[in-house]
C-alpha atoms as a PDB file:
ATOM      1  CA  MET A   1      35.135 -43.064 -11.209  1.00  0.00           C
ATOM      2  CA  ALA A   2      36.514 -45.450 -13.466  1.00  0.00           C
ATOM      3  CA  SER A   3      38.473 -46.932 -11.016  1.00  0.00           C
ATOM      4  CA  SER A   4      35.275 -47.596  -8.874  1.00  0.00           C
ATOM      5  CA  GLU A   5      33.371 -49.175 -11.783  1.00  0.00           C
ATOM      6  CA  VAL A   6      36.507 -51.439 -12.356  1.00  0.00           C
ATOM      7  CA  THR A   7      36.253 -52.583  -8.660  1.00  0.00           C
ATOM      8  CA  LYS A   8      32.689 -53.271  -8.938  1.00  0.00           C
ATOM      9  CA  LEU A   9      33.046 -55.493 -12.277  1.00  0.00           C
ATOM     10  CA  GLN A  10      35.979 -57.301 -10.545  1.00  0.00           C
ATOM     11  CA  GLN A  11      33.688 -58.057  -7.470  1.00  0.00           C
ATOM     12  CA  HIS A  12      30.872 -59.242  -9.587  1.00  0.00           C
ATOM     13  CA  LEU A  13      33.044 -61.327 -11.713  1.00  0.00           C
ATOM     14  CA  ALA A  14      34.420 -62.936  -8.365  1.00  0.00           C
ATOM     15  CA  LEU A  15      30.841 -63.657  -7.464  1.00  0.00           C
ATOM     16  CA  LEU A  16      30.286 -65.419 -10.761  1.00  0.00           C
ATOM     17  CA  LYS A  17      33.473 -67.409 -10.601  1.00  0.00           C
ATOM     18  CA  GLU A  18      32.392 -68.617  -7.144  1.00  0.00           C
ATOM     19  CA  GLU A  19      28.977 -69.672  -8.517  1.00  0.00           C
ATOM     20  CA  TYR A  20      30.663 -71.517 -11.246  1.00  0.00           C
ATOM     21  CA  GLY A  21      32.919 -73.332  -8.905  1.00  0.00           C
ATOM     22  CA  LYS A  22      29.814 -74.364  -6.749  1.00  0.00           C
ATOM     23  CA  LEU A  23      28.093 -75.736 -10.033  1.00  0.00           C
ATOM     24  CA  GLN A  24      31.219 -77.764 -10.872  1.00  0.00           C
ATOM     25  CA  SER A  25      31.165 -79.373  -7.430  1.00  0.00           C
ATOM     26  CA  HIS A  26      27.511 -80.011  -7.674  1.00  0.00           C
ATOM     27  CA  CYS A  27      28.127 -81.631 -11.311  1.00  0.00           C
ATOM     28  CA  ALA A  28      30.880 -83.783  -9.776  1.00  0.00           C
ATOM     29  CA  GLU A  29      28.833 -84.803  -6.916  1.00  0.00           C
ATOM     30  CA  VAL A  30      25.925 -85.857  -9.520  1.00  0.00           C
ATOM     31  CA  GLU A  31      28.346 -87.737 -11.647  1.00  0.00           C
ATOM     32  CA  ARG A  32      29.624 -89.609  -8.532  1.00  0.00           C
ATOM     33  CA  LYS A  33      26.044 -90.553  -7.481  1.00  0.00           C
ATOM     34  CA  TYR A  34      25.100 -91.610 -10.956  1.00  0.00           C
ATOM     35  CA  THR A  35      28.071 -93.991 -11.028  1.00  0.00           C
ATOM     36  CA  LEU A  36      27.290 -95.396  -7.676  1.00  0.00           C
ATOM     37  CA  ALA A  37      23.595 -95.936  -8.938  1.00  0.00           C
ATOM     38  CA  ALA A  38      24.565 -97.528 -12.149  1.00  0.00           C
ATOM     39  CA  ALA A  39      26.934 -99.747 -10.433  1.00  0.00           C
ATOM     40  CA  SER A  40      24.346-100.863  -7.965  1.00  0.00           C
ATOM     41  CA  ALA A  41      21.607-101.217 -10.342  1.00  0.00           C
ATOM     42  CA  GLY A  42      23.590-103.000 -12.874  1.00  0.00           C
ATOM     43  CA  ASP A  43      22.148-101.206 -15.792  1.00  0.00           C
ATOM     44  CA  LEU A  44      20.224 -97.956 -16.230  1.00  0.00           C
ATOM     45  CA  SER A  45      19.526 -98.216 -20.065  1.00  0.00           C
ATOM     46  CA  GLU A  46      16.091 -97.690 -21.322  1.00  0.00           C
ATOM     47  CA  THR A  47      14.932-101.138 -20.570  1.00  0.00           C
ATOM     48  CA  SER A  48      15.859-100.980 -16.830  1.00  0.00           C
ATOM     49  CA  PHE A  49      13.011-100.725 -14.167  1.00  0.00           C
ATOM     50  CA  VAL A  50      13.923 -97.351 -12.893  1.00  0.00           C
ATOM     51  CA  ALA A  51      14.068 -95.849 -16.461  1.00  0.00           C
ATOM     52  CA  ARG A  52      10.811 -97.537 -17.475  1.00  0.00           C
ATOM     53  CA  LEU A  53       9.200 -96.233 -14.353  1.00  0.00           C
ATOM     54  CA  LEU A  54      10.223 -92.639 -14.931  1.00  0.00           C
ATOM     55  CA  MET A  55       9.209 -92.719 -18.561  1.00  0.00           C
ATOM     56  CA  THR A  56       5.824 -94.195 -17.216  1.00  0.00           C
ATOM     57  CA  VAL A  57       5.357 -91.344 -14.794  1.00  0.00           C
ATOM     58  CA  SER A  58       6.221 -88.771 -17.338  1.00  0.00           C
ATOM     59  CA  SER A  59       3.613 -90.234 -19.914  1.00  0.00           C
ATOM     60  CA  LEU A  60       0.795 -89.926 -17.179  1.00  0.00           C
ATOM     61  CA  TYR A  61       1.035 -86.209 -17.354  1.00  0.00           C
ATOM     62  CA  GLY A  62      -2.352 -84.718 -18.365  1.00  0.00           C
ATOM     63  CA  ARG A  63      -3.821 -88.377 -18.794  1.00  0.00           C
ATOM     64  CA  GLU A  64      -6.721 -90.025 -17.047  1.00  0.00           C
ATOM     65  CA  THR A  65      -5.208 -93.289 -16.999  1.00  0.00           C
ATOM     66  CA  TYR A  66      -4.849 -94.494 -13.367  1.00  0.00           C
ATOM     67  CA  SER A  67      -5.831 -90.883 -12.264  1.00  0.00           C
ATOM     68  CA  ASP A  68      -7.329 -90.923  -8.923  1.00  0.00           C
ATOM     69  CA  ILE A  69      -7.319 -87.236  -8.047  1.00  0.00           C
ATOM     70  CA  THR A  70      -8.123 -84.040  -9.738  1.00  0.00           C
ATOM     71  CA  ILE A  71      -5.799 -80.917  -9.675  1.00  0.00           C
ATOM     72  CA  LYS A  72      -7.979 -77.623 -10.022  1.00  0.00           C
ATOM     73  CA  LEU A  73      -6.120 -74.908 -11.806  1.00  0.00           C
ATOM     74  CA  GLN A  74      -7.157 -71.464 -12.341  1.00  0.00           C
ATOM     75  CA  ASN A  75      -8.736 -71.936 -15.829  1.00  0.00           C
ATOM     76  CA  LYS A  76      -9.154 -75.730 -16.060  1.00  0.00           C
ATOM     77  CA  SER A  77      -8.834 -78.979 -14.055  1.00  0.00           C
ATOM     78  CA  MET A  78      -6.134 -81.731 -14.793  1.00  0.00           C
ATOM     79  CA  PRO A  79      -6.168 -85.516 -13.878  1.00  0.00           C
ATOM     80  CA  GLY A  80      -3.721 -86.236 -11.166  1.00  0.00           C
ATOM     81  CA  HIS A  81      -2.166 -89.391  -9.400  1.00  0.00           C
ATOM     82  CA  LYS A  82      -1.584 -89.509  -5.776  1.00  0.00           C
ATOM     83  CA  PHE A  83       1.319 -91.808  -6.074  1.00  0.00           C
ATOM     84  CA  VAL A  84       3.129 -88.991  -8.080  1.00  0.00           C
ATOM     85  CA  LEU A  85       2.421 -86.351  -5.558  1.00  0.00           C
ATOM     86  CA  ASN A  86       3.268 -88.555  -2.735  1.00  0.00           C
ATOM     87  CA  ALA A  87       6.778 -89.255  -4.233  1.00  0.00           C
ATOM     88  CA  ARG A  88       7.373 -85.443  -4.869  1.00  0.00           C
ATOM     89  CA  SER A  89       6.415 -83.985  -1.407  1.00  0.00           C
ATOM     90  CA  ASP A  90       5.772 -84.950   2.298  1.00  0.00           C
ATOM     91  CA  ASP A  91       2.861 -82.590   2.180  1.00  0.00           C
ATOM     92  CA  TRP A  92       0.954 -84.962  -0.046  1.00  0.00           C
ATOM     93  CA  ASN A  93       1.597 -88.131   1.878  1.00  0.00           C
ATOM     94  CA  GLU A  94      -0.919 -90.979   2.099  1.00  0.00           C
ATOM     95  CA  GLU A  95      -2.734 -89.784   5.249  1.00  0.00           C
ATOM     96  CA  ALA A  96      -3.111 -86.093   3.682  1.00  0.00           C
ATOM     97  CA  LEU A  97      -4.455 -87.484   0.425  1.00  0.00           C
ATOM     98  CA  LYS A  98      -6.568 -90.371   1.811  1.00  0.00           C
ATOM     99  CA  ASN A  99      -9.761 -88.612   1.469  1.00  0.00           C
ATOM    100  CA  GLN A 100      -8.769 -86.079  -1.125  1.00  0.00           C
ATOM    101  CA  SER A 101     -10.656 -86.187  -4.495  1.00  0.00           C
ATOM    102  CA  GLU A 102      -9.455 -82.803  -5.684  1.00  0.00           C
ATOM    103  CA  LEU A 103      -6.577 -80.349  -4.850  1.00  0.00           C
ATOM    104  CA  ASP A 104      -7.490 -76.745  -5.552  1.00  0.00           C
ATOM    105  CA  TRP A 105      -4.513 -74.803  -7.044  1.00  0.00           C
ATOM    106  CA  SER A 106      -6.813 -72.028  -8.507  1.00  0.00           C
ATOM    107  CA  SER A 107      -5.170 -69.466  -6.222  1.00  0.00           C
ATOM    108  CA  LEU A 108      -1.859 -69.881  -8.446  1.00  0.00           C
ATOM    109  CA  PRO A 109      -1.447 -67.892 -11.727  1.00  0.00           C
ATOM    110  CA  ASP A 110      -2.436 -70.379 -14.424  1.00  0.00           C
ATOM    111  CA  ASP A 111       1.147 -70.440 -15.824  1.00  0.00           C
ATOM    112  CA  VAL A 112       2.667 -71.212 -12.664  1.00  0.00           C
ATOM    113  CA  GLY A 113       0.029 -73.971 -11.779  1.00  0.00           C
ATOM    114  CA  SER A 114       0.637 -75.660 -15.168  1.00  0.00           C
ATOM    115  CA  ALA A 115       4.317 -75.344 -15.059  1.00  0.00           C
ATOM    116  CA  LEU A 116       4.342 -76.654 -11.540  1.00  0.00           C
ATOM    117  CA  LEU A 117       2.234 -79.647 -12.272  1.00  0.00           C
ATOM    118  CA  LYS A 118       4.217 -80.495 -15.526  1.00  0.00           C
ATOM    119  CA  TRP A 119       7.481 -80.436 -13.355  1.00  0.00           C
ATOM    120  CA  LEU A 120       5.880 -83.012 -11.039  1.00  0.00           C
ATOM    121  CA  TYR A 121       5.614 -85.574 -13.782  1.00  0.00           C
ATOM    122  CA  THR A 122       8.411 -84.668 -16.118  1.00  0.00           C
ATOM    123  CA  ASP A 123      11.081 -82.804 -14.153  1.00  0.00           C
ATOM    124  CA  LEU A 124      11.084 -80.255 -17.015  1.00  0.00           C
ATOM    125  CA  VAL A 125      10.394 -76.489 -16.437  1.00  0.00           C
ATOM    126  CA  ASP A 126      10.547 -73.688 -18.855  1.00  0.00           C
ATOM    127  CA  LEU A 127      12.157 -70.634 -16.777  1.00  0.00           C
ATOM    128  CA  SER A 128      12.729 -68.548 -20.091  1.00  0.00           C
ATOM    129  CA  ARG A 129       9.461 -66.612 -19.361  1.00  0.00           C
ATOM    130  CA  GLY A 130      11.131 -63.995 -17.186  1.00  0.00           C
ATOM    131  CA  ASP A 131      12.275 -63.169 -13.664  1.00  0.00           C
ATOM    132  CA  SER A 132       8.631 -62.775 -12.207  1.00  0.00           C
ATOM    133  CA  PHE A 133       7.391 -65.924 -13.520  1.00  0.00           C
ATOM    134  CA  ALA A 134      10.563 -67.824 -11.974  1.00  0.00           C
ATOM    135  CA  LEU A 135      10.051 -65.763  -8.631  1.00  0.00           C
ATOM    136  CA  GLN A 136       6.411 -66.710  -8.412  1.00  0.00           C
ATOM    137  CA  LEU A 137       7.092 -70.435  -9.388  1.00  0.00           C
ATOM    138  CA  MET A 138       9.922 -70.650  -6.732  1.00  0.00           C
ATOM    139  CA  LYS A 139       7.758 -69.271  -3.989  1.00  0.00           C
ATOM    140  CA  SER A 140       4.770 -71.767  -5.008  1.00  0.00           C
ATOM    141  CA  ALA A 141       7.107 -74.651  -5.068  1.00  0.00           C
ATOM    142  CA  ALA A 142       8.446 -73.651  -1.670  1.00  0.00           C
ATOM    143  CA  SER A 143       5.060 -73.666  -0.338  1.00  0.00           C
ATOM    144  CA  PHE A 144       4.486 -77.142  -1.279  1.00  0.00           C
ATOM    145  CA  LYS A 145       8.060 -78.102  -0.076  1.00  0.00           C
ATOM    146  CA  LEU A 146       9.079 -79.154  -3.826  1.00  0.00           C
ATOM    147  CA  TYR A 147      12.814 -78.226  -2.991  1.00  0.00           C
ATOM    148  CA  GLY A 148      13.937 -79.736  -6.237  1.00  0.00           C
ATOM    149  CA  LEU A 149      12.122 -77.092  -8.301  1.00  0.00           C
ATOM    150  CA  VAL A 150      12.967 -74.359  -5.812  1.00  0.00           C
ATOM    151  CA  GLY A 151      16.760 -75.159  -6.483  1.00  0.00           C
ATOM    152  CA  LYS A 152      16.051 -75.011 -10.251  1.00  0.00           C
ATOM    153  CA  CYS A 153      14.403 -71.575  -9.890  1.00  0.00           C
ATOM    154  CA  GLU A 154      17.094 -70.377  -7.699  1.00  0.00           C
ATOM    155  CA  GLN A 155      19.761 -71.189 -10.310  1.00  0.00           C
ATOM    156  CA  ALA A 156      17.855 -69.472 -13.192  1.00  0.00           C
ATOM    157  CA  LEU A 157      17.500 -66.253 -10.906  1.00  0.00           C
ATOM    158  CA  ILE A 158      21.110 -66.461  -9.925  1.00  0.00           C
ATOM    159  CA  ALA A 159      21.908 -66.478 -13.500  1.00  0.00           C
ATOM    160  CA  SER A 160      19.722 -63.251 -14.315  1.00  0.00           C
ATOM    161  CA  VAL A 161      20.226 -61.146 -11.134  1.00  0.00           C
ATOM    162  CA  GLY A 162      21.717 -57.725 -11.511  1.00  0.00           C
ATOM    163  CA  VAL A 163      22.192 -54.580  -9.425  1.00  0.00           C
ATOM    164  CA  ARG A 164      18.695 -53.449 -10.104  1.00  0.00           C
ATOM    165  CA  THR A 165      17.037 -56.726  -8.947  1.00  0.00           C
ATOM    166  CA  CYS A 166      19.318 -58.039  -6.146  1.00  0.00           C
ATOM    167  CA  VAL A 167      17.396 -56.370  -3.379  1.00  0.00           C
ATOM    168  CA  LYS A 168      14.148 -57.743  -4.675  1.00  0.00           C
ATOM    169  CA  PHE A 169      15.336 -61.230  -5.047  1.00  0.00           C
ATOM    170  CA  TYR A 170      17.241 -60.934  -1.682  1.00  0.00           C
ATOM    171  CA  SER A 171      13.774 -60.277  -0.306  1.00  0.00           C
ATOM    172  CA  ALA A 172      12.048 -63.203  -1.989  1.00  0.00           C
ATOM    173  CA  ALA A 173      15.003 -65.547  -1.043  1.00  0.00           C
ATOM    174  CA  ASP A 174      14.790 -64.607   2.599  1.00  0.00           C
ATOM    175  CA  GLU A 175      10.990 -65.093   2.763  1.00  0.00           C
ATOM    176  CA  ILE A 176      11.162 -68.670   1.633  1.00  0.00           C
ATOM    177  CA  GLY A 177      14.664 -69.632   2.894  1.00  0.00           C
ATOM    178  CA  ALA A 178      16.456 -69.832  -0.658  1.00  0.00           C
ATOM    179  CA  THR A 179      19.880 -69.926   0.709  1.00  0.00           C
ATOM    180  CA  ALA A 180      21.905 -70.007  -2.648  1.00  0.00           C
ATOM    181  CA  LEU A 181      19.806 -67.207  -4.041  1.00  0.00           C
ATOM    182  CA  LYS A 182      20.195 -65.066  -0.860  1.00  0.00           C
ATOM    183  CA  GLU A 183      23.905 -65.575  -0.471  1.00  0.00           C
ATOM    184  CA  HIS A 184      24.380 -64.420  -3.992  1.00  0.00           C
ATOM    185  CA  CYS A 185      22.124 -61.450  -3.800  1.00  0.00           C
ATOM    186  CA  SER A 186      23.910 -60.649  -0.490  1.00  0.00           C
ATOM    187  CA  GLY A 187      27.307 -60.487  -2.313  1.00  0.00           C
ATOM    188  CA  LEU A 188      25.858 -58.277  -4.808  1.00  0.00           C
ATOM    189  CA  ILE A 189      24.301 -55.949  -2.257  1.00  0.00           C
ATOM    190  CA  SER A 190      27.714 -55.815  -0.582  1.00  0.00           C
ATOM    191  CA  ALA A 191      29.757 -55.087  -3.701  1.00  0.00           C
ATOM    192  CA  HIS A 192      27.277 -52.188  -4.828  1.00  0.00           C
ATOM    193  CA  TRP A 193      26.652 -50.806  -1.439  1.00  0.00           C
ATOM    194  CA  ASP A 194      27.088 -47.282  -2.264  1.00  0.00           C
ATOM    195  CA  ASP A 195      24.894 -47.274  -5.404  1.00  0.00           C
ATOM    196  CA  LEU A 196      22.177 -49.107  -3.474  1.00  0.00           C
ATOM    197  CA  THR A 197      22.003 -46.830  -0.390  1.00  0.00           C
ATOM    198  CA  ASP A 198      22.267 -43.792  -2.345  1.00  0.00           C
ATOM    199  CA  ALA A 199      19.262 -44.695  -4.486  1.00  0.00           C
ATOM    200  CA  VAL A 200      17.259 -45.652  -1.349  1.00  0.00           C
ATOM    201  CA  ALA A 201      18.310 -42.282   0.477  1.00  0.00           C
ATOM    202  CA  ASP A 202      17.070 -40.305  -2.729  1.00  0.00           C
ATOM    203  CA  ASN A 203      13.832 -42.230  -2.923  1.00  0.00           C
ATOM    204  CA  TYR A 204      13.195 -41.657   0.839  1.00  0.00           C
ATOM    205  CA  ASP A 205      13.785 -37.983   0.323  1.00  0.00           C
ATOM    206  CA  LYS A 206      11.158 -37.833  -2.373  1.00  0.00           C
ATOM    207  CA  LYS A 207       8.492 -40.041  -0.745  1.00  0.00           C
ATOM    208  CA  LEU A 208       9.427 -40.049   3.011  1.00  0.00           C
ATOM    209  CA  LYS A 209       7.881 -43.333   3.427  1.00  0.00           C
ATOM    210  CA  LEU A 210       8.358 -47.022   2.847  1.00  0.00           C
ATOM    211  CA  GLN A 211       6.166 -48.713   0.079  1.00  0.00           C
ATOM    212  CA  LYS A 212       7.772 -51.751  -1.414  1.00  0.00           C
ATOM    213  CA  ARG A 213       9.088 -54.717   0.468  1.00  0.00           C
ATOM    214  CA  GLU A 214      12.520 -54.412  -1.312  1.00  0.00           C
ATOM    215  CA  GLU A 215      12.778 -50.851   0.198  1.00  0.00           C
ATOM    216  CA  VAL A 216      12.212 -52.413   3.633  1.00  0.00           C
ATOM    217  CA  VAL A 217      15.163 -54.898   2.967  1.00  0.00           C
ATOM    218  CA  VAL A 218      17.475 -52.194   1.761  1.00  0.00           C
ATOM    219  CA  CYS A 219      16.380 -50.274   4.983  1.00  0.00           C
ATOM    220  CA  LYS A 220      17.051 -53.294   7.086  1.00  0.00           C
ATOM    221  CA  LEU A 221      20.466 -53.788   5.577  1.00  0.00           C
ATOM    222  CA  THR A 222      21.325 -50.077   5.779  1.00  0.00           C
ATOM    223  CA  LEU A 223      20.159 -49.246   9.178  1.00  0.00           C
ATOM    224  CA  SER A 224      21.053 -52.626  11.188  1.00  0.00           C
ATOM    225  CA  VAL A 225      24.596 -54.125  11.487  1.00  0.00           C
ATOM    226  CA  GLN A 226      23.146 -57.321  12.911  1.00  0.00           C
ATOM    227  CA  SER A 227      20.886 -58.047  10.041  1.00  0.00           C
ATOM    228  CA  ASN A 228      24.017 -59.621   8.084  1.00  0.00           C
ATOM    229  CA  GLU A 229      27.632 -59.562   9.249  1.00  0.00           C
ATOM    230  CA  LYS A 230      28.860 -58.913   5.749  1.00  0.00           C
ATOM    231  CA  PHE A 231      27.613 -55.364   5.656  1.00  0.00           C
ATOM    232  CA  PRO A 232      29.762 -52.714   7.224  1.00  0.00           C
ATOM    233  CA  SER A 233      28.585 -50.444  10.135  1.00  0.00           C
ATOM    234  CA  MET A 234      26.855 -47.158   9.048  1.00  0.00           C
ATOM    235  CA  ILE A 235      26.237 -43.860  10.941  1.00  0.00           C
ATOM    236  CA  LEU A 236      22.882 -42.318  10.149  1.00  0.00           C
ATOM    237  CA  THR A 237      23.225 -39.245   8.096  1.00  0.00           C
ATOM    238  CA  ASN A 238      20.794 -36.424   7.853  1.00  0.00           C
ATOM    239  CA  LYS A 239      19.310 -38.104   4.746  1.00  0.00           C
ATOM    240  CA  TYR A 240      18.000 -40.957   7.428  1.00  0.00           C
ATOM    241  CA  GLU A 241      17.007 -38.545  10.171  1.00  0.00           C
ATOM    242  CA  HIS A 242      13.419 -38.043   8.920  1.00  0.00           C
ATOM    243  CA  LEU A 243      12.920 -41.948   9.506  1.00  0.00           C
ATOM    244  CA  LYS A 244      13.102 -41.319  13.217  1.00  0.00           C
ATOM    245  CA  SER A 245      10.525 -38.516  13.143  1.00  0.00           C
ATOM    246  CA  CYS A 246       8.085 -40.468  10.860  1.00  0.00           C
ATOM    247  CA  ASN A 247       8.696 -43.508  13.507  1.00  0.00           C
ATOM    248  CA  LYS A 248       9.926 -45.574  10.600  1.00  0.00           C
ATOM    249  CA  TYR A 249      13.102 -46.750  12.368  1.00  0.00           C
ATOM    250  CA  ARG A 250      12.885 -50.119  14.152  1.00  0.00           C
ATOM    251  CA  LYS A 251      15.516 -52.182  15.817  1.00  0.00           C
ATOM    252  CA  PRO A 252      16.785 -55.107  13.685  1.00  0.00           C
ATOM    253  CA  ASN A 253      14.471 -57.587  15.304  1.00  0.00           C
ATOM    254  CA  GLU A 254      11.494 -55.393  15.078  1.00  0.00           C
ATOM    255  CA  LEU A 255      11.774 -54.757  11.246  1.00  0.00           C
ATOM    256  CA  ARG A 256       9.296 -56.706   9.170  1.00  0.00           C
ATOM    257  CA  CYS A 257       9.687 -57.109   5.501  1.00  0.00           C
END
């Protein structure tokens, strides 16, 4: 038992080391691009045009100055600027916003809509509010094709994901195509395969039906070799026979999460 736990911890540590290596590579790439930008611009000090432009955009957050559109949040309306929206996403190009005087984001939770709007202007986001907030923000950002914000949410979730949440995070990442988070969760699921499948089997024995999206994903991973080549082939045991009788079993391409 102790040996099994040590093995799992070693696998988890290996995943963390891999993510650290990716971050180092990303940091090196950012530094390289910054060096090239500084060299081509000659100067990126606070008096440079680029720096002043960024500071101007940041200062426009929540202000009526130059505002030409309104953002309707759940509990309030905020002044917006079409050129900022256009710069952030192709979904808000000139043609899309030409005849628009308001964007309705009232369907988003108020904290998510406010955080998303603030990021548009300042490139800052507070992801310390918990995993549920980060997940919802990531999904909302993906719907607007704000891939920079999606990436920030992914990194925050990768840092906090554990065995209890890896299937839930995998499900969300698979839904919106968040590759980095999906691959990390995939590694955790593989490393803790026995724990997850035993838990799902026990849950099926009690409920005899699928109720949650994350349970469907585990079912998909358990029953299908083709769903992900990282997961080993498994033979259905008696614990899963009721899935057939309940007509819950589907071929991999028929499973819908």
